Amino acid sequence: MKLYSDIFISKPTQTNSMFVYLTWQRNGKQMKTMLEYHKAVNMCKEMEKLKVKPHIIFEAQCPPKSHS
């Protein structure tokens, strides 16, 4: 942490969250949103219950071990 003119600046904290794209088809259109990985997994489960076929697309080179 550094002090600049009475303002403290600290390094950003790292989190274990990874953002992914969630895609699906609706009325013939390709839909896409960006979510945290765990939220996307939960959304996929709910969408599959409704007979929607979602896909998770990873932006990073290394997907989480639970999905590889």
N, C-alpha and C. Protein backbone atom coordinates (compact mmCIF):
# COMPACT_ATOMS: atom_id res chain seq x y z
N MET A 1 0.85 -1.17 0.00
CA MET A 1 0.00 0.00 0.00
C MET A 1 0.89 1.23 0.00
N LYS A 2 0.56 2.19 -0.84
CA LYS A 2 1.35 3.41 -0.94
C LYS A 2 0.46 4.61 -0.64
N LEU A 3 1.11 5.66 -0.18
CA LEU A 3 0.39 6.89 0.16
C LEU A 3 0.76 7.97 -0.85
N TYR A 4 -0.22 8.49 -1.57
CA TYR A 4 -0.02 9.59 -2.51
C TYR A 4 -0.98 10.71 -2.12
N SER A 5 -0.46 11.82 -1.65
CA SER A 5 -1.28 12.99 -1.32
C SER A 5 -2.49 12.62 -0.46
N ASP A 6 -2.24 11.93 0.62
CA ASP A 6 -3.29 11.53 1.56
C ASP A 6 -4.28 10.52 0.99
N ILE A 7 -3.94 9.84 -0.11
CA ILE A 7 -4.81 8.81 -0.69
C ILE A 7 -4.05 7.49 -0.64
N PHE A 8 -4.67 6.50 -0.05
CA PHE A 8 -4.05 5.18 -0.01
C PHE A 8 -4.41 4.40 -1.27
N ILE A 9 -3.41 3.83 -1.91
CA ILE A 9 -3.63 3.01 -3.10
C ILE A 9 -3.11 1.62 -2.78
N SER A 10 -3.99 0.65 -2.83
CA SER A 10 -3.58 -0.72 -2.54
C SER A 10 -3.69 -1.57 -3.80
N LYS A 11 -2.97 -2.66 -3.83
CA LYS A 11 -3.03 -3.57 -4.96
C LYS A 11 -4.41 -4.23 -4.99
N PRO A 12 -4.95 -4.45 -6.19
CA PRO A 12 -6.25 -5.13 -6.25
C PRO A 12 -6.13 -6.57 -5.75
N THR A 13 -7.14 -7.02 -5.07
CA THR A 13 -7.12 -8.38 -4.57
C THR A 13 -7.52 -9.34 -5.68
N GLN A 14 -6.90 -10.48 -5.72
CA GLN A 14 -7.25 -11.49 -6.71
C GLN A 14 -8.36 -12.35 -6.16
N THR A 15 -9.28 -12.68 -7.03
CA THR A 15 -10.36 -13.58 -6.65
C THR A 15 -10.29 -14.83 -7.51
N ASN A 16 -10.99 -15.84 -7.11
CA ASN A 16 -11.01 -17.08 -7.86
C ASN A 16 -12.13 -17.10 -8.89
N SER A 17 -12.75 -15.97 -9.16
CA SER A 17 -13.84 -15.96 -10.13
C SER A 17 -13.27 -15.85 -11.55
N MET A 18 -13.91 -16.55 -12.46
CA MET A 18 -13.53 -16.51 -13.86
C MET A 18 -14.79 -16.19 -14.64
N PHE A 19 -14.69 -15.27 -15.57
CA PHE A 19 -15.84 -14.92 -16.38
C PHE A 19 -15.84 -15.74 -17.65
N VAL A 20 -17.02 -16.18 -18.05
CA VAL A 20 -17.21 -17.00 -19.25
C VAL A 20 -18.41 -16.45 -20.02
N TYR A 21 -18.50 -16.84 -21.28
CA TYR A 21 -19.68 -16.51 -22.08
C TYR A 21 -20.64 -17.68 -22.01
N LEU A 22 -21.91 -17.38 -21.87
CA LEU A 22 -22.97 -18.37 -21.92
C LEU A 22 -23.78 -18.07 -23.16
N THR A 23 -23.90 -19.03 -24.07
CA THR A 23 -24.64 -18.81 -25.31
C THR A 23 -25.79 -19.81 -25.41
N TRP A 24 -26.85 -19.42 -26.13
CA TRP A 24 -27.99 -20.28 -26.37
C TRP A 24 -28.78 -19.69 -27.53
N GLN A 25 -29.70 -20.49 -28.08
CA GLN A 25 -30.57 -20.05 -29.17
C GLN A 25 -31.95 -19.72 -28.61
N ARG A 26 -32.50 -18.60 -29.09
CA ARG A 26 -33.87 -18.23 -28.69
C ARG A 26 -34.56 -17.63 -29.90
N ASN A 27 -35.67 -18.22 -30.28
CA ASN A 27 -36.44 -17.77 -31.45
C ASN A 27 -35.55 -17.65 -32.69
N GLY A 28 -34.62 -18.58 -32.84
CA GLY A 28 -33.74 -18.58 -34.00
C GLY A 28 -32.57 -17.61 -33.92
N LYS A 29 -32.47 -16.86 -32.83
CA LYS A 29 -31.38 -15.91 -32.66
C LYS A 29 -30.36 -16.44 -31.66
N GLN A 30 -29.10 -16.19 -31.92
CA GLN A 30 -28.02 -16.58 -31.01
C GLN A 30 -27.91 -15.55 -29.90
N MET A 31 -28.10 -15.97 -28.65
CA MET A 31 -28.02 -15.08 -27.49
C MET A 31 -26.70 -15.34 -26.78
N LYS A 32 -26.16 -14.30 -26.14
CA LYS A 32 -24.86 -14.42 -25.49
C LYS A 32 -24.80 -13.47 -24.30
N THR A 33 -24.26 -13.96 -23.18
CA THR A 33 -24.06 -13.12 -22.01
C THR A 33 -22.77 -13.52 -21.32
N MET A 34 -22.22 -12.62 -20.52
CA MET A 34 -21.00 -12.92 -19.78
C MET A 34 -21.35 -13.01 -18.30
N LEU A 35 -20.92 -14.11 -17.67
CA LEU A 35 -21.21 -14.37 -16.26
C LEU A 35 -19.98 -14.96 -15.58
N GLU A 36 -20.00 -14.95 -14.26
CA GLU A 36 -19.00 -15.70 -13.52
C GLU A 36 -19.24 -17.18 -13.78
N TYR A 37 -18.17 -17.96 -13.79
CA TYR A 37 -18.24 -19.38 -14.15
C TYR A 37 -19.29 -20.13 -13.34
N HIS A 38 -19.29 -19.98 -12.02
CA HIS A 38 -20.22 -20.74 -11.17
C HIS A 38 -21.67 -20.35 -11.46
N LYS A 39 -21.91 -19.09 -11.74
CA LYS A 39 -23.27 -18.65 -12.07
C LYS A 39 -23.69 -19.21 -13.42
N ALA A 40 -22.75 -19.28 -14.35
CA ALA A 40 -23.05 -19.83 -15.68
C ALA A 40 -23.41 -21.31 -15.58
N VAL A 41 -22.70 -22.05 -14.73
CA VAL A 41 -23.00 -23.47 -14.54
C VAL A 41 -24.42 -23.63 -13.98
N ASN A 42 -24.78 -22.81 -13.00
CA ASN A 42 -26.13 -22.87 -12.44
C ASN A 42 -27.19 -22.52 -13.48
N MET A 43 -26.90 -21.50 -14.30
CA MET A 43 -27.83 -21.11 -15.36
C MET A 43 -28.01 -22.24 -16.38
N CYS A 44 -26.91 -22.92 -16.71
CA CYS A 44 -26.99 -24.05 -17.65
C CYS A 44 -27.92 -25.12 -17.14
N LYS A 45 -27.80 -25.45 -15.87
CA LYS A 45 -28.66 -26.48 -15.28
C LYS A 45 -30.13 -26.10 -15.38
N GLU A 46 -30.42 -24.83 -15.08
CA GLU A 46 -31.81 -24.37 -15.14
C GLU A 46 -32.32 -24.33 -16.57
N MET A 47 -31.47 -23.91 -17.52
CA MET A 47 -31.87 -23.85 -18.92
C MET A 47 -32.13 -25.24 -19.48
N GLU A 48 -31.32 -26.21 -19.08
CA GLU A 48 -31.50 -27.58 -19.55
C GLU A 48 -32.83 -28.16 -19.06
N LYS A 49 -33.26 -27.75 -17.88
CA LYS A 49 -34.57 -28.18 -17.38
C LYS A 49 -35.69 -27.67 -18.28
N LEU A 50 -35.45 -26.51 -18.92
CA LEU A 50 -36.44 -25.90 -19.81
C LEU A 50 -36.23 -26.31 -21.27
N LYS A 51 -35.39 -27.34 -21.49
CA LYS A 51 -35.11 -27.89 -22.82
C LYS A 51 -34.35 -26.91 -23.72
N VAL A 52 -33.58 -25.99 -23.12
CA VAL A 52 -32.71 -25.07 -23.87
C VAL A 52 -31.31 -25.67 -23.84
N LYS A 53 -30.58 -25.56 -24.95
CA LYS A 53 -29.23 -26.12 -25.04
C LYS A 53 -28.19 -25.00 -24.93
N PRO A 54 -27.75 -24.69 -23.72
CA PRO A 54 -26.75 -23.63 -23.54
C PRO A 54 -25.32 -24.17 -23.75
N HIS A 55 -24.40 -23.27 -24.02
CA HIS A 55 -22.98 -23.61 -24.16
C HIS A 55 -22.16 -22.61 -23.37
N ILE A 56 -21.14 -23.09 -22.66
CA ILE A 56 -20.22 -22.22 -21.94
C ILE A 56 -18.96 -22.07 -22.79
N ILE A 57 -18.55 -20.84 -23.02
CA ILE A 57 -17.34 -20.55 -23.79
C ILE A 57 -16.36 -19.85 -22.86
N PHE A 58 -15.17 -20.41 -22.75
CA PHE A 58 -14.14 -19.85 -21.89
C PHE A 58 -13.29 -18.85 -22.66
N GLU A 59 -13.06 -17.69 -22.06
CA GLU A 59 -12.17 -16.69 -22.66
C GLU A 59 -10.72 -17.04 -22.40
N ALA A 60 -10.45 -17.63 -21.25
CA ALA A 60 -9.08 -17.95 -20.86
C ALA A 60 -8.62 -19.22 -21.55
N GLN A 61 -7.32 -19.42 -21.57
CA GLN A 61 -6.73 -20.62 -22.17
C GLN A 61 -6.94 -21.85 -21.29
N CYS A 62 -7.14 -21.65 -19.99
CA CYS A 62 -7.20 -22.77 -19.05
C CYS A 62 -8.57 -22.81 -18.37
N PRO A 63 -9.49 -23.66 -18.83
CA PRO A 63 -10.77 -23.76 -18.14
C PRO A 63 -10.59 -24.42 -16.77
N PRO A 64 -11.52 -24.20 -15.86
CA PRO A 64 -11.42 -24.82 -14.54
C PRO A 64 -11.37 -26.34 -14.66
N LYS A 65 -10.70 -26.99 -13.74
CA LYS A 65 -10.54 -28.45 -13.79
C LYS A 65 -11.87 -29.17 -13.77
N SER A 66 -12.87 -28.58 -13.14
CA SER A 66 -14.17 -29.23 -13.04
C SER A 66 -14.88 -29.29 -14.39
N HIS A 67 -14.45 -28.48 -15.37
CA HIS A 67 -15.13 -28.44 -16.66
C HIS A 67 -14.27 -28.98 -17.80
N SER A 68 -13.02 -29.34 -17.53
CA SER A 68 -12.13 -29.82 -18.60
C SER A 68 -12.16 -31.32 -18.74
